N, C-alpha and C. Protein backbone atom coordinates (compact mmCIF):
# COMPACT_ATOMS: atom_id res chain seq x y z
N MET A 1 -1.09 5.50 -11.10
CA MET A 1 -1.11 4.58 -10.72
C MET A 1 -2.78 4.19 -10.77
N GLU A 2 -3.38 4.66 -10.40
CA GLU A 2 -5.00 4.27 -10.37
C GLU A 2 -5.68 4.11 -11.47
N ASN A 3 -5.22 4.00 -12.49
CA ASN A 3 -6.02 3.52 -13.88
C ASN A 3 -5.21 1.98 -14.60
N THR A 4 -4.46 1.52 -13.56
CA THR A 4 -3.20 0.52 -13.89
C THR A 4 -3.57 -0.75 -12.97
N ARG A 5 -3.12 -2.08 -14.03
CA ARG A 5 -3.69 -3.28 -12.98
C ARG A 5 -2.84 -2.94 -11.53
N TRP A 6 -1.95 -2.20 -11.07
CA TRP A 6 -1.49 -1.95 -9.74
C TRP A 6 -2.91 -1.04 -8.96
N GLY A 7 -3.44 0.29 -9.89
CA GLY A 7 -4.78 0.24 -9.28
C GLY A 7 -5.43 -0.84 -8.80
N GLN A 8 -5.89 -0.97 -10.02
CA GLN A 8 -6.78 -2.43 -9.50
C GLN A 8 -6.90 -3.40 -8.19
N ILE A 9 -5.46 -3.49 -8.91
CA ILE A 9 -4.76 -4.64 -7.26
C ILE A 9 -5.41 -4.07 -6.00
N LYS A 10 -4.59 -2.46 -6.01
CA LYS A 10 -4.40 -1.94 -4.94
C LYS A 10 -6.08 -1.56 -4.16
N ARG A 11 -6.99 -1.09 -5.05
CA ARG A 11 -8.47 -0.98 -4.59
C ARG A 11 -9.11 -2.12 -4.35
N ARG A 12 -8.29 -3.14 -4.68
CA ARG A 12 -9.07 -4.44 -3.63
C ARG A 12 -8.64 -4.69 -2.56
N LEU A 13 -7.78 -4.08 -2.07
CA LEU A 13 -7.13 -4.76 -1.31
C LEU A 13 -7.86 -3.84 0.08
N PRO A 14 -8.19 -4.53 1.35
CA PRO A 14 -8.63 -4.04 2.44
C PRO A 14 -7.35 -3.10 3.11
N GLN A 15 -7.80 -1.98 3.83
CA GLN A 15 -6.79 -1.83 5.11
C GLN A 15 -6.30 -2.72 6.33
N PRO A 16 -5.21 -2.69 6.09
CA PRO A 16 -3.60 -1.79 6.00
C PRO A 16 -3.07 -1.82 5.05
N TYR A 17 -3.48 -3.43 4.60
CA TYR A 17 -2.79 -4.04 3.12
C TYR A 17 -2.86 -2.89 2.48
N ARG A 18 -3.73 -2.17 1.64
CA ARG A 18 -3.80 -1.26 0.68
C ARG A 18 -2.19 -0.46 0.32
N SER A 19 -2.57 0.26 2.25
CA SER A 19 -1.86 1.00 2.29
C SER A 19 0.05 0.37 2.12
N GLU A 20 0.14 -0.69 2.76
CA GLU A 20 1.77 -1.40 1.98
C GLU A 20 1.99 -1.79 0.85
N PHE A 21 1.23 -2.31 0.09
CA PHE A 21 0.92 -2.64 -1.15
C PHE A 21 1.43 -1.54 -2.30
N GLU A 22 0.84 0.24 -1.32
CA GLU A 22 0.78 1.27 -2.34
C GLU A 22 2.82 1.44 -1.82
N GLU A 23 2.72 0.84 -1.14
CA GLU A 23 4.37 1.53 -0.88
C GLU A 23 5.18 1.00 -1.34
N PHE A 24 5.19 -0.32 -1.45
CA PHE A 24 6.18 -1.41 -2.33
C PHE A 24 5.59 -0.87 -3.82
N ILE A 25 4.62 -0.31 -4.14
CA ILE A 25 4.89 0.29 -5.91
C ILE A 25 5.15 1.18 -5.69
N ASN A 26 5.07 2.48 -4.81
CA ASN A 26 5.72 3.73 -4.99
C ASN A 26 7.37 3.21 -4.94
N THR A 27 7.85 2.58 -3.70
CA THR A 27 9.25 2.43 -3.96
C THR A 27 9.90 1.58 -4.80
N LEU A 28 9.53 0.28 -5.07
CA LEU A 28 10.04 -0.36 -5.69
C LEU A 28 9.79 -0.48 -7.38
N ARG A 29 8.94 -0.03 -7.79
CA ARG A 29 8.66 0.18 -8.94
C ARG A 29 8.76 1.34 -9.52
N ILE A 30 8.43 2.22 -8.91
CA ILE A 30 8.45 3.94 -9.59
C ILE A 30 9.70 4.31 -8.50
N ASP A 31 10.42 4.57 -7.94
CA ASP A 31 11.14 4.88 -7.24
C ASP A 31 12.63 4.39 -7.83
N TYR A 32 12.60 2.98 -7.72
CA TYR A 32 13.99 1.82 -8.15
C TYR A 32 13.50 2.11 -9.18
N PHE A 33 12.67 1.13 -10.19
CA PHE A 33 12.99 0.92 -11.43
C PHE A 33 12.79 1.60 -12.53
N TYR A 34 11.62 2.51 -12.36
CA TYR A 34 11.59 3.93 -12.72
C TYR A 34 12.45 5.07 -12.92
N ASN A 35 12.63 5.81 -11.91
CA ASN A 35 13.60 6.85 -11.38
C ASN A 35 14.94 6.25 -11.18
N GLY A 36 15.36 4.73 -11.30
CA GLY A 36 16.86 4.65 -10.93
C GLY A 36 17.69 5.06 -10.07
N ASN A 37 16.69 4.70 -8.81
CA ASN A 37 16.98 5.77 -7.54
C ASN A 37 17.72 4.51 -6.57
N TYR A 38 18.28 3.71 -6.76
CA TYR A 38 18.64 2.75 -5.74
C TYR A 38 19.38 3.07 -5.23
N PRO A 39 19.50 2.19 -3.65
CA PRO A 39 20.33 2.77 -2.94
C PRO A 39 21.67 2.38 -2.80
N GLU A 40 22.62 2.79 -2.11
CA GLU A 40 24.04 2.29 -2.44
C GLU A 40 24.40 1.21 -2.13
N SER A 41 23.77 0.59 0.02
CA SER A 41 24.03 -0.87 0.18
C SER A 41 22.38 -1.70 -0.61
N TYR A 42 22.82 -1.93 -2.01
CA TYR A 42 21.62 -2.55 -2.91
C TYR A 42 21.39 -3.86 -2.55
N GLU A 43 22.18 -4.83 -1.61
CA GLU A 43 22.14 -5.92 -1.22
C GLU A 43 21.50 -6.63 -0.01
N GLU A 44 22.01 -5.39 1.30
CA GLU A 44 21.17 -5.10 1.81
C GLU A 44 19.26 -4.92 1.30
N GLU A 45 19.42 -3.69 0.80
CA GLU A 45 18.25 -3.07 -0.03
C GLU A 45 16.99 -4.41 -0.12
N PHE A 46 17.67 -4.86 -0.96
CA PHE A 46 16.92 -6.28 -2.02
C PHE A 46 16.43 -7.29 -0.71
N GLU A 47 17.52 -7.63 0.24
CA GLU A 47 16.94 -8.75 1.27
C GLU A 47 15.73 -8.27 2.35
N LYS A 48 15.85 -6.55 2.39
CA LYS A 48 14.91 -6.03 3.38
C LYS A 48 13.55 -6.28 2.54
N TRP A 49 13.28 -5.68 1.23
CA TRP A 49 12.33 -5.79 0.42
C TRP A 49 11.76 -7.23 0.52
N HIS A 50 12.76 -7.70 0.11
CA HIS A 50 12.15 -9.46 -0.05
C HIS A 50 11.68 -10.23 1.49
N LYS A 51 12.17 -9.85 2.36
CA LYS A 51 11.21 -10.18 3.59
C LYS A 51 9.79 -9.39 3.55
N ARG A 52 10.06 -7.99 3.64
CA ARG A 52 8.93 -7.81 3.81
C ARG A 52 7.63 -8.15 3.08
N VAL A 53 8.07 -8.61 1.43
CA VAL A 53 6.91 -8.42 0.30
C VAL A 53 6.84 -9.85 0.80
N LYS A 54 7.70 -11.10 1.46
CA LYS A 54 7.38 -12.14 1.47
C LYS A 54 6.10 -12.22 3.04
N GLU A 55 6.17 -11.28 3.41
CA GLU A 55 5.39 -11.34 4.97
C GLU A 55 4.16 -10.50 4.73
N PHE A 56 4.23 -9.97 3.67
CA PHE A 56 2.66 -9.37 3.10
C PHE A 56 1.71 -10.50 2.82
N ILE A 57 2.62 -11.68 1.92
CA ILE A 57 1.84 -12.42 1.17
C ILE A 57 1.45 -13.52 1.75
N VAL A 58 1.81 -13.55 3.33
CA VAL A 58 2.12 -15.02 3.64
C VAL A 58 0.89 -14.65 4.78
N LYS A 59 0.89 -12.80 5.46
CA LYS A 59 -0.65 -12.23 5.36
C LYS A 59 -1.95 -12.12 5.21
N LEU A 60 -1.44 -12.36 3.77
CA LEU A 60 -2.82 -11.74 3.21
C LEU A 60 -2.91 -13.54 2.31
N GLU A 61 -2.33 -14.71 2.42
CA GLU A 61 -3.04 -15.48 2.73
C GLU A 61 -3.58 -15.95 3.64
N GLY A 62 -3.07 -15.71 4.97
CA GLY A 62 -3.72 -15.96 6.06
C GLY A 62 -5.11 -15.43 6.21
N LYS A 63 -5.28 -14.10 5.88
CA LYS A 63 -6.60 -13.42 5.76
C LYS A 63 -7.43 -14.25 5.02
N ARG A 64 -6.99 -14.41 3.78
CA ARG A 64 -7.82 -15.22 2.64
C ARG A 64 -8.39 -16.70 3.10
N GLY A 65 -7.56 -17.44 3.98
CA GLY A 65 -7.74 -18.86 4.33
C GLY A 65 -8.98 -18.56 6.15
N ARG A 66 -9.27 -17.30 6.01
CA ARG A 66 -9.80 -17.25 7.50
C ARG A 66 -11.95 -17.26 6.89
């Protein structure tokens, strides 16, 4: 991940955003998408991650506006 666009984005983020972003990539992109390790209750899981990512973006936008 370090030499990809995801790694470049991660390096530009301050903590704690960097760790949270890395968790998104590790779970959503690698574990679910690449490895196909989808949870049984995928609709609930989708809603959980959708909410987390949305909140993450709102936090980043708020930080940028300061």
